[in-house]
Protein backbone atom coordinates (compact mmCIF):
# COMPACT_ATOMS: atom_id res chain seq x y z
CA MET A 1 -82.88 -1.92 -41.54
CA THR A 2 -85.63 0.18 -39.96
CA ALA A 3 -88.48 -1.87 -38.52
CA TYR A 4 -91.96 -1.63 -39.98
CA THR A 5 -95.24 -3.42 -39.41
CA ASP A 6 -97.37 -5.03 -42.10
CA GLY A 7 -100.88 -3.67 -42.36
CA PHE A 8 -103.85 -4.84 -44.38
CA TRP A 9 -107.14 -3.32 -45.45
CA TRP A 10 -110.09 -4.32 -47.62
CA SER A 11 -111.13 -2.77 -50.90
CA ASN A 12 -114.76 -2.05 -51.74
CA ASP A 13 -114.82 -5.16 -53.95
CA GLY A 14 -113.39 -7.45 -51.28
CA LEU A 15 -109.65 -7.54 -52.02
CA ARG A 16 -107.19 -7.80 -49.13
CA LEU A 17 -104.61 -5.09 -49.71
CA HIS A 18 -101.25 -4.58 -48.02
CA TYR A 19 -99.09 -1.73 -46.78
CA ARG A 20 -95.89 -1.26 -44.82
CA ASP A 21 -96.16 1.05 -41.83
CA TYR A 22 -92.98 2.75 -40.58
CA ALA A 23 -93.66 4.30 -37.17
CA VAL A 24 -93.20 7.92 -36.14
CA ALA A 25 -91.42 8.88 -32.92
CA PRO A 26 -93.73 9.94 -30.04
CA GLU A 27 -92.55 13.55 -30.18
CA ASN A 28 -93.65 13.78 -33.85
CA GLN A 29 -97.09 12.20 -33.48
CA ASP A 30 -98.78 15.44 -34.51
CA ARG A 31 -97.35 15.22 -38.02
CA PRO A 32 -99.53 13.73 -40.75
CA PRO A 33 -98.17 10.56 -42.37
CA ILE A 34 -96.36 10.33 -45.66
CA ILE A 35 -98.19 7.90 -47.94
CA CYS A 36 -95.99 6.45 -50.70
CA ILE A 37 -97.74 5.12 -53.80
CA PRO A 38 -95.62 3.22 -56.37
CA GLY A 39 -95.60 3.09 -60.13
CA LEU A 40 -97.37 0.71 -62.51
CA THR A 41 -95.20 -2.38 -62.04
CA ARG A 42 -93.67 -1.46 -58.67
CA ASN A 43 -94.64 -2.20 -55.07
CA ALA A 44 -94.09 -1.03 -51.49
CA ARG A 45 -90.45 -2.15 -51.56
CA ASP A 46 -89.75 0.61 -54.06
CA PHE A 47 -89.79 3.15 -51.21
CA GLU A 48 -87.75 1.10 -48.73
CA ALA A 49 -84.66 3.35 -48.66
CA LEU A 50 -86.72 6.52 -48.52
CA ALA A 51 -88.96 5.17 -45.75
CA GLU A 52 -85.96 4.15 -43.67
CA ARG A 53 -84.47 7.63 -44.03
CA PHE A 54 -87.57 9.51 -42.88
CA ALA A 55 -89.15 7.05 -40.45
CA GLY A 56 -89.26 8.33 -36.91
CA ALA A 57 -89.42 11.95 -38.01
CA TRP A 58 -92.55 10.99 -39.96
CA ARG A 59 -94.90 8.06 -40.14
CA VAL A 60 -94.33 6.52 -43.56
CA ILE A 61 -96.94 4.25 -45.14
CA CYS A 62 -95.91 2.40 -48.32
CA VAL A 63 -98.74 0.69 -50.15
CA ASP A 64 -99.00 -2.27 -52.48
CA LEU A 65 -101.65 -1.41 -55.05
CA ARG A 66 -104.07 -4.18 -55.98
CA GLY A 67 -102.33 -6.82 -58.05
CA ARG A 68 -98.88 -5.99 -56.70
CA GLY A 69 -96.64 -7.24 -53.90
CA GLU A 70 -98.59 -8.70 -51.01
CA SER A 71 -101.93 -7.27 -52.14
CA ALA A 72 -104.51 -9.59 -53.69
CA TYR A 73 -104.96 -9.87 -57.44
CA ALA A 74 -108.24 -8.58 -58.86
CA LYS A 75 -110.73 -10.93 -60.49
CA ASP A 76 -111.62 -8.24 -63.02
CA PRO A 77 -108.49 -6.94 -64.79
CA MET A 78 -110.40 -3.84 -65.90
CA SER A 79 -110.33 -2.71 -62.27
CA TYR A 80 -106.61 -2.03 -62.71
CA VAL A 81 -107.26 1.64 -63.46
CA PRO A 82 -106.51 4.88 -61.58
CA LEU A 83 -110.08 5.57 -60.50
CA THR A 84 -110.29 2.15 -58.82
CA TYR A 85 -106.90 2.68 -57.18
CA VAL A 86 -108.25 5.96 -55.80
CA GLN A 87 -111.22 4.10 -54.31
CA ASP A 88 -108.81 1.62 -52.73
CA MET A 89 -106.81 4.48 -51.21
CA GLU A 90 -110.02 6.09 -49.95
CA ALA A 91 -110.78 2.83 -48.15
CA LEU A 92 -107.31 2.85 -46.57
CA LEU A 93 -107.72 6.43 -45.37
CA ARG A 94 -111.06 5.53 -43.79
CA ASP A 95 -109.62 2.42 -42.19
CA LEU A 96 -106.70 4.34 -40.66
CA LYS A 97 -108.89 7.36 -39.84
CA LEU A 98 -106.56 9.75 -41.64
CA ARG A 99 -107.92 13.19 -42.46
CA GLN A 100 -104.71 14.57 -43.95
CA PHE A 101 -101.50 13.20 -45.39
CA VAL A 102 -98.45 14.00 -47.49
CA GLY A 103 -98.53 12.15 -50.80
CA PHE A 104 -95.40 10.76 -52.44
CA GLY A 105 -96.23 9.22 -55.81
CA THR A 106 -94.01 7.70 -58.49
CA SER A 107 -95.45 7.67 -62.01
CA LEU A 108 -98.89 6.00 -61.63
CA GLY A 109 -98.64 6.75 -57.90
CA GLY A 110 -98.38 10.43 -58.74
CA ILE A 111 -101.54 10.28 -60.83
CA ILE A 112 -103.33 8.69 -57.87
CA THR A 113 -101.95 11.38 -55.56
CA MET A 114 -103.30 14.14 -57.82
CA LEU A 115 -106.72 12.49 -58.01
CA LEU A 116 -106.86 12.08 -54.22
CA ALA A 117 -106.02 15.76 -53.81
CA SER A 118 -108.81 16.77 -56.18
CA THR A 119 -111.55 14.66 -54.61
CA ARG A 120 -111.31 16.29 -51.19
CA PRO A 121 -109.62 19.71 -50.96
CA GLY A 122 -107.34 20.12 -47.96
CA ARG A 123 -106.67 16.41 -47.53
CA VAL A 124 -103.30 16.31 -49.31
CA ILE A 125 -101.21 18.91 -47.47
CA GLY A 126 -98.03 18.33 -49.45
CA ALA A 127 -96.95 16.23 -52.40
CA LEU A 128 -94.04 14.78 -54.30
CA LEU A 129 -94.73 13.81 -57.92
CA ASN A 130 -91.95 11.61 -59.23
CA ASP A 131 -91.51 11.84 -63.00
CA VAL A 132 -95.19 12.28 -63.73
CA GLY A 133 -97.64 15.07 -64.34
CA PRO A 134 -100.90 16.04 -66.04
CA GLU A 135 -99.23 15.65 -69.45
CA LEU A 136 -97.63 12.31 -70.31
CA ASP A 137 -95.26 11.82 -73.23
CA PRO A 138 -96.75 9.33 -75.75
CA GLU A 139 -93.28 7.99 -76.58
CA GLY A 140 -92.68 6.85 -73.01
CA LEU A 141 -96.16 5.38 -72.71
CA SER A 142 -95.56 3.35 -75.86
CA ARG A 143 -92.29 2.03 -74.42
CA ILE A 144 -94.04 0.91 -71.23
CA ARG A 145 -96.80 -0.82 -73.20
CA GLU A 146 -94.13 -2.89 -74.92
CA TYR A 147 -92.90 -4.53 -71.73
CA VAL A 148 -95.70 -4.45 -69.14
CA GLY A 149 -97.45 -7.77 -68.69
CA GLN A 150 -94.67 -9.88 -70.18
CA GLY A 151 -94.57 -13.02 -68.00
CA ARG A 152 -90.84 -13.68 -68.02
CA SER A 153 -89.06 -15.75 -65.38
CA TYR A 154 -85.42 -16.29 -64.42
CA PRO A 155 -83.51 -19.13 -62.71
CA THR A 156 -81.43 -16.91 -60.40
CA TRP A 157 -81.34 -13.35 -59.08
CA MET A 158 -78.20 -12.71 -61.14
CA HIS A 159 -80.00 -13.72 -64.32
CA ALA A 160 -82.84 -11.34 -63.41
CA ALA A 161 -80.40 -8.53 -62.64
CA ARG A 162 -78.58 -9.02 -65.94
CA GLU A 163 -81.87 -8.87 -67.85
CA LEU A 164 -82.77 -5.59 -66.14
CA ALA A 165 -79.33 -4.21 -66.92
CA ASP A 166 -79.69 -5.17 -70.58
CA THR A 167 -83.12 -3.56 -70.94
CA GLN A 168 -82.80 -0.53 -68.63
CA GLN A 169 -79.15 0.48 -68.82
CA GLY A 170 -80.20 3.66 -70.57
CA ILE A 171 -82.48 4.61 -67.68
CA TYR A 172 -79.92 3.98 -64.93
CA PRO A 173 -76.52 4.31 -66.65
CA ASP A 174 -74.50 4.41 -63.42
CA PHE A 175 -75.97 1.30 -61.79
CA THR A 176 -73.47 -1.29 -60.60
CA VAL A 177 -74.07 -5.04 -60.46
CA THR A 178 -75.08 -4.61 -56.81
CA ASP A 179 -77.57 -1.90 -57.79
CA TRP A 180 -79.12 -4.15 -60.42
CA LEU A 181 -79.44 -6.99 -57.92
CA ASP A 182 -81.11 -4.68 -55.39
CA PHE A 183 -83.39 -3.39 -58.15
CA ALA A 184 -84.36 -6.92 -59.16
CA LYS A 185 -85.27 -7.78 -55.57
CA ARG A 186 -87.53 -4.74 -55.37
CA LEU A 187 -89.33 -5.56 -58.62
CA MET A 188 -89.45 -9.35 -58.46
CA LYS A 189 -90.12 -12.29 -56.17
CA LEU A 190 -89.11 -15.92 -55.76
CA THR A 191 -91.85 -18.41 -56.58
CA PRO A 192 -92.41 -21.68 -54.66
CA GLY A 193 -91.05 -23.43 -57.75
CA GLY A 194 -87.75 -21.60 -57.43
CA ARG A 195 -88.14 -19.19 -60.37
CA ILE A 196 -87.76 -15.39 -60.21
CA ILE A 197 -90.76 -13.48 -61.61
CA PHE A 198 -92.03 -9.91 -61.60
CA ASP A 199 -94.09 -9.20 -58.49
CA TYR A 200 -97.33 -8.12 -60.12
CA ASP A 201 -100.38 -9.56 -61.84
CA MET A 202 -99.62 -9.68 -65.58
CA LYS A 203 -103.23 -8.65 -66.19
CA ILE A 204 -102.51 -5.08 -65.03
CA ALA A 205 -101.43 -4.58 -68.64
CA GLU A 206 -104.91 -5.11 -70.09
CA PRO A 207 -106.47 -1.69 -69.41
CA PHE A 208 -103.11 0.07 -69.86
CA LEU A 209 -102.81 -1.29 -73.39
CA ILE A 210 -105.85 0.77 -74.39
CA PRO A 211 -104.42 4.08 -75.69
CA GLY A 212 -105.69 7.06 -73.72
CA GLY A 213 -106.66 4.94 -70.74
CA GLU A 214 -103.70 5.83 -68.54
CA ALA A 215 -105.63 8.14 -66.24
CA GLY A 216 -109.19 8.15 -67.50
CA VAL A 217 -109.70 11.86 -66.85
CA ASP A 218 -108.14 15.24 -67.67
CA LEU A 219 -105.44 15.55 -65.03
CA TRP A 220 -104.84 19.31 -65.11
CA PRO A 221 -107.83 20.06 -62.84
CA ALA A 222 -106.61 17.32 -60.48
CA PHE A 223 -103.11 18.78 -60.49
CA GLY A 224 -104.65 22.18 -59.74
CA ALA A 225 -105.72 20.86 -56.34
CA LEU A 226 -102.03 21.04 -55.33
CA LYS A 227 -101.67 24.70 -56.27
CA LYS A 228 -101.56 26.11 -52.74
CA VAL A 229 -99.70 23.31 -50.92
CA PRO A 230 -95.96 22.58 -50.83
CA ALA A 231 -95.28 20.35 -53.82
CA LEU A 232 -92.11 18.91 -55.30
CA VAL A 233 -91.86 17.86 -58.94
CA VAL A 234 -89.03 15.39 -59.59
CA ARG A 235 -87.90 14.63 -63.12
CA GLY A 236 -85.32 12.31 -64.59
CA GLY A 237 -83.17 14.36 -66.93
CA GLU A 238 -83.66 11.78 -69.69
CA SER A 239 -87.30 10.99 -68.89
CA ASP A 240 -89.54 9.94 -71.77
CA ILE A 241 -92.67 10.29 -69.63
CA LEU A 242 -92.43 13.80 -68.16
CA SER A 243 -91.02 16.34 -70.59
CA ALA A 244 -88.94 19.29 -69.43
CA TYR A 245 -91.62 21.59 -70.86
CA ALA A 246 -94.42 19.89 -68.89
CA ALA A 247 -92.37 19.95 -65.68
CA GLU A 248 -91.66 23.67 -66.07
CA LYS A 249 -95.34 24.34 -66.73
CA MET A 250 -96.29 22.36 -63.62
CA VAL A 251 -93.91 24.15 -61.28
CA GLY A 252 -94.89 27.52 -62.71
CA SER A 253 -98.54 26.88 -61.88
CA LEU A 254 -97.84 26.07 -58.22
CA ASP A 255 -97.76 28.70 -55.50
CA ARG A 256 -95.25 26.70 -53.45
CA GLY A 257 -93.74 24.49 -56.08
CA LYS A 258 -90.21 23.08 -56.02
CA PHE A 259 -88.33 21.23 -58.73
CA ALA A 260 -85.52 18.68 -58.75
CA GLU A 261 -84.07 17.11 -61.87
CA VAL A 262 -81.72 14.13 -61.75
CA PRO A 263 -79.20 14.32 -64.61
CA ALA A 264 -78.76 11.33 -66.93
CA ILE A 265 -81.60 9.34 -65.32
CA GLY A 266 -84.65 8.18 -67.27
CA HIS A 267 -88.08 7.18 -65.97
CA ALA A 268 -88.07 7.22 -63.03
CA PRO A 269 -85.63 8.49 -60.38
CA ASN A 270 -85.28 6.22 -57.34
CA LEU A 271 -85.73 9.09 -54.84
CA ASP A 272 -82.44 8.21 -53.14
CA GLU A 273 -80.37 10.61 -55.27
CA PRO A 274 -78.67 13.37 -53.21
CA ILE A 275 -80.33 16.18 -55.17
CA VAL A 276 -83.74 14.61 -54.58
CA LEU A 277 -83.17 13.92 -50.88
CA SER A 278 -82.13 17.55 -50.36
CA ALA A 279 -85.30 18.72 -52.12
CA ILE A 280 -87.43 16.34 -50.00
CA ASP A 281 -85.85 17.73 -46.84
CA GLU A 282 -86.89 21.23 -47.93
CA LEU A 283 -90.38 20.07 -48.86
CA LEU A 284 -90.97 18.38 -45.51
CA GLU A 285 -89.62 21.35 -43.59
CA ASP A 286 -92.00 23.63 -45.49
CA ILE A 287 -94.88 21.31 -44.60
CA ARG A 288 -93.80 21.03 -40.96
CA GLN A 289 -93.64 24.80 -40.51
CA ASN A 290 -97.22 25.16 -41.72
CA LEU A 291 -98.84 22.49 -39.59
């Protein structure tokens, strides 16, 4: 396992937030970092395999959004919205004195990446949007609303893995028992009482349950901020969040857009699929050549 350091920063409203920092090799210090932002119920561990693959060649920073992982839970659940997450990320960028970065965002993380690109042109010099875009499929959003915020717990990791397999087999049809166990350990944590629970504040569901509140703004102008930079759109072939039509429209509107679709996978790809890794290699080389 590649070594990383734990970093912390403070939000504008006083929350202590966490990130994992995978170091870059001295000869690559001139490269901007890759900042990985996870989906609604995910955390920094979601990018572990990807970070280990690219660490050294790039500095990789994987964040825990407020209410997830090792970041503090918010007192006001209505702060669990994209615009607040953007403010949290702005605080991180100031704290680390980062003027530019490459944004890798899964689902909600992709929305945050687009918004960050739109608020300061030239800051995001490359992007990967994983199964998300300016248009979100209502069917998939309804499915997510049905499970987010459900405070289930399990006696063992195997019980947790079996529950995930039962509910998400259609999203990851080729997962083995080992894959489901690894997946459970990325999504969940062991409590002091010995139970396995999801590693996020159940109250993140409250603003998300309000229809139309997923982003809070029209995302096409935000997506337009990526028009001239290298950008990779990743889609699960069976995604119910990002339609094939929306993905095609996105790539067609980008000057340097790339596209990778993972067959038979739903929302969202894990970014360790060979077709995706090959596309990421091309994306990062494009970025590197234009530094």
